Amino acid sequence: MRWRSSTTGIGSAKKAGGQQLTCLASESERVRDVYRIYDASDRRQHKRDPRRPGVDRMRSERWQVTGEILAGRFSESAPIRVLDIGCGEGDDLARIKRLLPTAQLFGVDLVADRLARAQLAVPEARLEVRGGQELPFSDTSVQVVLLSTVLSSILDPETRRLVVHEAYRVTGGDGLLLVYDIRVPSPWNPNVVPVTRRDLYALLPEASIQTQSITLLPPLARAVGDVWPGLYGPLARLRPLRTHYLSVITRAGEPTEPTRRH
């Protein structure tokens, strides 16, 4: 499959003039710089180390639920396309490869160093350095689109709107747009904003959106995991301690998996 130019997206933004394009470019540069700082921070790398039991539990919980959602829609041998917007080092694409072995994998990210590591992790994936404001796919041509902690990292509302609209544009009529993101503010990180159900409905009023809360408050999950991993499950059952939403977005009229938790 060739990567095609989009029929909408940032191209329509060009009509609004140079000021808007400058804003979009500036936001992309800001996000790129933030993630480079993240990657250079030993403290942050330790926080996200998958060898820590709490980190492993958070990721395993999310992918257990994601796997159930995908299994309800696609068979393991389904010839589908999967696009990860903001794919980072390829962790999610690698998990998708295990769940859907025959899927064609694609990823975009702003940070070239991350993409290089993603290519090593998932050699068969087709990756490109670019933002999500203009995707090289035709309309409704991808069956699974992932946005994992991407929208919360975009502080500029117009850039966030363009990214989610592009993701929805390329999602097929029989496909799924899966959004995993924080639903509550993070007072420790000024570079992120919460993405609530109301935000998603406002961004995509024409879509069918189902959400479930998931993921134990990460600082608590890491602390508990380091001393008593068995507490993760009981604590994660308490809704006030769940800090993220996993949202399943489809085109109106298409079936989705029922929401299990709110």
Protein backbone atom coordinates (compact mmCIF):
# COMPACT_ATOMS: atom_id res chain seq x y z
CA MET A 1 0.00 0.00 0.00
CA ARG A 2 1.27 3.47 -0.83
CA TRP A 3 1.02 6.24 1.70
CA ARG A 4 -1.31 8.77 0.15
CA SER A 5 -1.76 12.45 0.74
CA SER A 6 -4.80 13.31 2.81
CA THR A 7 -7.83 14.97 1.30
CA THR A 8 -8.39 17.09 4.41
CA GLY A 9 -6.39 18.08 7.45
CA ILE A 10 -3.57 20.57 7.52
CA GLY A 11 -4.14 21.35 3.87
CA SER A 12 -7.42 23.00 4.81
CA ALA A 13 -5.64 24.85 7.59
CA LYS A 14 -3.35 26.49 5.00
CA LYS A 15 -6.33 28.43 3.74
CA ALA A 16 -6.52 30.17 7.08
CA GLY A 17 -3.16 31.82 6.43
CA GLY A 18 0.39 31.77 7.65
CA GLN A 19 -0.41 32.65 11.24
CA GLN A 20 -2.26 29.38 11.84
CA LEU A 21 0.46 27.35 10.14
CA THR A 22 3.04 29.03 12.36
CA CYS A 23 0.98 28.11 15.40
CA LEU A 24 0.73 24.47 14.29
CA ALA A 25 4.46 24.28 13.58
CA SER A 26 5.27 25.87 16.92
CA GLU A 27 3.11 23.37 18.78
CA SER A 28 4.77 20.47 16.99
CA GLU A 29 8.17 21.86 17.91
CA ARG A 30 7.09 22.28 21.53
CA VAL A 31 5.85 18.68 21.74
CA ARG A 32 9.03 17.39 20.08
CA ASP A 33 11.19 19.31 22.56
CA VAL A 34 9.18 18.05 25.55
CA TYR A 35 9.61 14.43 24.51
CA ARG A 36 13.32 14.89 23.92
CA ILE A 37 13.58 16.20 27.48
CA TYR A 38 11.58 13.20 28.70
CA ASP A 39 13.91 10.82 26.91
CA ALA A 40 17.01 12.47 28.36
CA SER A 41 15.71 12.29 31.94
CA ASP A 42 17.00 9.32 33.94
CA ARG A 43 14.33 9.98 36.55
CA ARG A 44 11.55 9.77 34.00
CA GLN A 45 13.02 6.66 32.42
CA HIS A 46 13.05 5.01 35.85
CA LYS A 47 9.40 5.99 36.38
CA ARG A 48 8.44 4.31 33.11
CA ASP A 49 10.70 1.27 33.39
CA PRO A 50 8.56 -1.74 32.35
CA ARG A 51 10.55 -3.95 34.72
CA ARG A 52 8.87 -2.22 37.64
CA PRO A 53 5.84 -4.29 38.72
CA GLY A 54 3.52 -1.28 38.92
CA VAL A 55 4.40 -0.12 35.42
CA ASP A 56 3.93 -3.64 34.10
CA ARG A 57 0.50 -3.90 35.75
CA MET A 58 -0.67 -0.61 34.24
CA ARG A 59 0.37 -1.67 30.75
CA SER A 60 -0.93 -5.21 31.12
CA GLU A 61 -4.34 -3.98 32.31
CA ARG A 62 -4.70 -1.60 29.37
CA TRP A 63 -3.70 -4.20 26.83
CA GLN A 64 -5.90 -6.88 28.29
CA VAL A 65 -8.89 -4.59 27.78
CA THR A 66 -7.63 -3.44 24.37
CA GLY A 67 -7.15 -7.05 23.31
CA GLU A 68 -10.73 -7.88 24.27
CA ILE A 69 -11.99 -4.92 22.24
CA LEU A 70 -9.99 -5.94 19.17
CA ALA A 71 -10.96 -9.61 19.50
CA GLY A 72 -14.60 -8.56 19.49
CA ARG A 73 -14.17 -6.91 16.09
CA PHE A 74 -11.32 -8.65 14.22
CA SER A 75 -9.95 -12.17 13.88
CA GLU A 76 -6.24 -12.80 14.39
CA SER A 77 -5.83 -13.42 10.66
CA ALA A 78 -7.80 -10.37 9.53
CA PRO A 79 -5.95 -8.45 6.77
CA ILE A 80 -6.27 -5.07 8.44
CA ARG A 81 -4.22 -1.90 8.67
CA VAL A 82 -3.22 -0.46 12.03
CA LEU A 83 -1.91 3.08 12.46
CA ASP A 84 -0.32 4.32 15.68
CA ILE A 85 -0.22 8.13 15.81
CA GLY A 86 2.57 9.18 18.15
CA CYS A 87 3.97 5.65 18.14
CA GLY A 88 7.06 6.52 20.16
CA GLU A 89 9.41 3.57 20.53
CA GLY A 90 6.92 1.09 19.11
CA ASP A 91 5.62 -0.51 22.32
CA ASP A 92 1.98 -0.41 21.22
CA LEU A 93 2.74 -1.58 17.69
CA ALA A 94 4.66 -4.54 19.11
CA ARG A 95 1.66 -5.50 21.23
CA ILE A 96 -0.67 -5.12 18.25
CA LYS A 97 1.63 -7.42 16.28
CA ARG A 98 1.15 -10.13 18.90
CA LEU A 99 -2.63 -9.65 18.97
CA LEU A 100 -3.11 -9.34 15.19
CA PRO A 101 -0.15 -11.11 13.55
CA THR A 102 -1.23 -10.48 9.96
CA ALA A 103 -1.99 -6.78 10.36
CA GLN A 104 -0.10 -4.18 8.33
CA LEU A 105 1.50 -1.83 10.83
CA PHE A 106 2.09 1.90 10.36
CA GLY A 107 3.32 4.56 12.74
CA VAL A 108 4.08 8.26 12.81
CA ASP A 109 5.93 10.28 15.43
CA LEU A 110 7.57 13.68 15.73
CA VAL A 111 10.82 12.40 17.26
CA ALA A 112 13.20 10.66 14.85
CA ASP A 113 15.22 8.96 17.59
CA ARG A 114 12.08 7.33 18.94
CA LEU A 115 11.11 6.11 15.50
CA ALA A 116 14.54 4.57 15.01
CA ARG A 117 14.06 2.54 18.19
CA ALA A 118 10.51 1.66 17.10
CA GLN A 119 11.86 0.30 13.81
CA LEU A 120 14.19 -2.00 15.72
CA ALA A 121 11.32 -3.16 17.93
CA VAL A 122 8.91 -3.74 15.02
CA PRO A 123 10.98 -4.15 11.83
CA GLU A 124 7.98 -4.85 9.63
CA ALA A 125 6.21 -1.60 10.54
CA ARG A 126 6.22 1.30 8.08
CA LEU A 127 7.20 4.40 10.04
CA GLU A 128 7.50 8.05 9.19
CA VAL A 129 8.61 11.18 11.02
CA ARG A 130 5.59 13.46 10.96
CA GLY A 131 2.85 14.87 13.13
CA GLY A 132 -0.75 13.77 13.16
CA GLN A 133 -2.19 16.92 11.57
CA GLU A 134 -1.87 15.47 8.06
CA LEU A 135 -1.81 11.70 7.61
CA PRO A 136 -0.70 9.97 4.39
CA PHE A 137 -3.81 7.81 4.10
CA SER A 138 -6.98 8.17 2.10
CA ASP A 139 -10.34 8.51 3.83
CA THR A 140 -11.64 5.50 5.84
CA SER A 141 -8.67 3.35 4.78
CA VAL A 142 -7.39 2.16 8.18
CA GLN A 143 -9.18 -0.35 10.40
CA VAL A 144 -7.50 0.44 13.74
CA VAL A 145 -6.11 3.86 14.70
CA LEU A 146 -4.38 4.39 18.04
CA LEU A 147 -3.95 7.65 19.94
CA SER A 148 -2.22 6.79 23.21
CA THR A 149 -1.54 9.78 25.51
CA VAL A 150 -1.24 11.95 22.42
CA LEU A 151 -4.12 14.40 22.74
CA SER A 152 -3.23 15.25 26.34
CA SER A 153 0.28 16.21 25.18
CA ILE A 154 -1.09 18.81 22.73
CA LEU A 155 -1.76 22.08 24.55
CA ASP A 156 -2.91 24.04 21.50
CA PRO A 157 -6.65 23.41 20.95
CA GLU A 158 -6.53 23.85 17.17
CA THR A 159 -3.68 21.36 16.77
CA ARG A 160 -5.53 18.89 19.00
CA ARG A 161 -8.67 19.31 16.88
CA LEU A 162 -6.77 18.69 13.64
CA VAL A 163 -5.05 15.58 15.00
CA VAL A 164 -8.25 13.94 16.23
CA HIS A 165 -10.12 14.86 13.05
CA GLU A 166 -7.37 13.34 10.90
CA ALA A 167 -7.40 10.19 13.01
CA TYR A 168 -11.17 9.94 12.58
CA ARG A 169 -10.98 10.73 8.86
CA VAL A 170 -8.74 7.77 8.09
CA THR A 171 -10.63 5.34 10.37
CA GLY A 172 -12.71 2.96 8.28
CA GLY A 173 -16.45 2.55 8.53
CA ASP A 174 -15.84 -0.86 10.07
CA GLY A 175 -12.87 0.36 12.05
CA LEU A 176 -11.99 1.59 15.52
CA LEU A 177 -10.28 4.72 16.76
CA LEU A 178 -8.89 3.85 20.20
CA VAL A 179 -7.99 6.79 22.43
CA TYR A 180 -6.14 6.14 25.70
CA ASP A 181 -5.48 9.27 27.69
CA ILE A 182 -5.57 10.96 31.06
CA ARG A 183 -8.98 12.08 32.32
CA VAL A 184 -7.79 14.11 35.31
CA PRO A 185 -5.22 16.92 35.63
CA SER A 186 -1.60 16.02 36.33
CA PRO A 187 -0.33 18.63 38.79
CA TRP A 188 3.20 17.25 38.44
CA ASN A 189 3.38 17.83 34.69
CA PRO A 190 2.52 21.21 33.12
CA ASN A 191 3.00 19.76 29.63
CA VAL A 192 -0.23 17.76 29.63
CA VAL A 193 -3.94 18.50 29.91
CA PRO A 194 -6.78 16.05 30.68
CA VAL A 195 -8.97 14.72 27.87
CA THR A 196 -12.46 14.12 29.21
CA ARG A 197 -15.48 12.46 27.65
CA ARG A 198 -16.97 15.91 27.14
CA ASP A 199 -13.83 16.95 25.25
CA LEU A 200 -14.08 13.94 22.94
CA TYR A 201 -17.78 14.53 22.28
CA ALA A 202 -17.04 18.17 21.48
CA LEU A 203 -14.20 17.23 19.13
CA LEU A 204 -16.17 14.50 17.33
CA PRO A 205 -19.89 15.22 17.74
CA GLU A 206 -20.73 13.04 14.74
CA ALA A 207 -19.02 9.93 16.15
CA SER A 208 -20.16 7.11 18.41
CA ILE A 209 -17.98 7.21 21.54
CA GLN A 210 -17.84 4.76 24.42
CA THR A 211 -15.43 5.21 27.29
CA GLN A 212 -14.29 3.31 30.33
CA SER A 213 -12.03 4.50 33.11
CA ILE A 214 -8.86 2.51 33.57
CA THR A 215 -5.35 2.63 35.09
CA LEU A 216 -4.57 3.15 38.74
CA LEU A 217 -3.12 6.58 39.57
CA PRO A 218 0.43 6.08 38.22
CA PRO A 219 2.43 7.35 41.23
CA LEU A 220 0.34 5.07 43.46
CA ALA A 221 0.63 2.17 41.02
CA ARG A 222 4.40 2.47 40.93
CA ALA A 223 4.71 2.78 44.71
CA VAL A 224 2.36 -0.12 45.40
CA GLY A 225 4.00 -2.24 42.73
CA ASP A 226 7.42 -1.78 44.30
CA VAL A 227 6.31 -3.10 47.71
CA TRP A 228 3.03 -5.02 47.30
CA PRO A 229 2.02 -5.71 43.66
CA GLY A 230 -1.09 -7.63 44.70
CA LEU A 231 -2.73 -4.40 45.82
CA TYR A 232 -2.93 -3.04 42.27
CA GLY A 233 -6.13 -4.92 41.39
CA PRO A 234 -8.18 -4.00 44.50
CA LEU A 235 -7.11 -0.35 44.31
CA ALA A 236 -7.80 -0.12 40.56
CA ARG A 237 -11.40 -1.17 41.20
CA LEU A 238 -11.98 2.17 42.95
CA ARG A 239 -13.11 4.61 40.28
CA PRO A 240 -11.69 7.76 41.94
CA LEU A 241 -8.24 6.17 41.71
CA ARG A 242 -8.49 5.44 37.97
CA THR A 243 -6.92 8.29 36.05
CA HIS A 244 -7.31 7.41 32.36
CA TYR A 245 -10.04 6.75 29.82
CA LEU A 246 -9.89 4.11 27.14
CA SER A 247 -12.33 5.31 24.50
CA VAL A 248 -13.67 3.33 21.57
CA ILE A 249 -14.70 5.66 18.75
CA THR A 250 -16.56 4.49 15.66
CA ARG A 251 -18.66 6.04 12.98
CA ALA A 252 -22.25 6.52 14.09
CA GLY A 253 -24.31 3.37 13.61
CA GLU A 254 -21.35 0.99 13.84
CA PRO A 255 -21.38 -1.47 16.78
CA THR A 256 -18.85 -1.12 19.59
CA GLU A 257 -17.91 -3.19 22.57
CA PRO A 258 -20.07 -2.39 25.59
CA THR A 259 -18.55 -0.10 28.18
CA ARG A 260 -17.61 -2.02 31.31
CA ARG A 261 -16.57 0.73 33.67
CA HIS A 262 -17.24 4.44 33.90
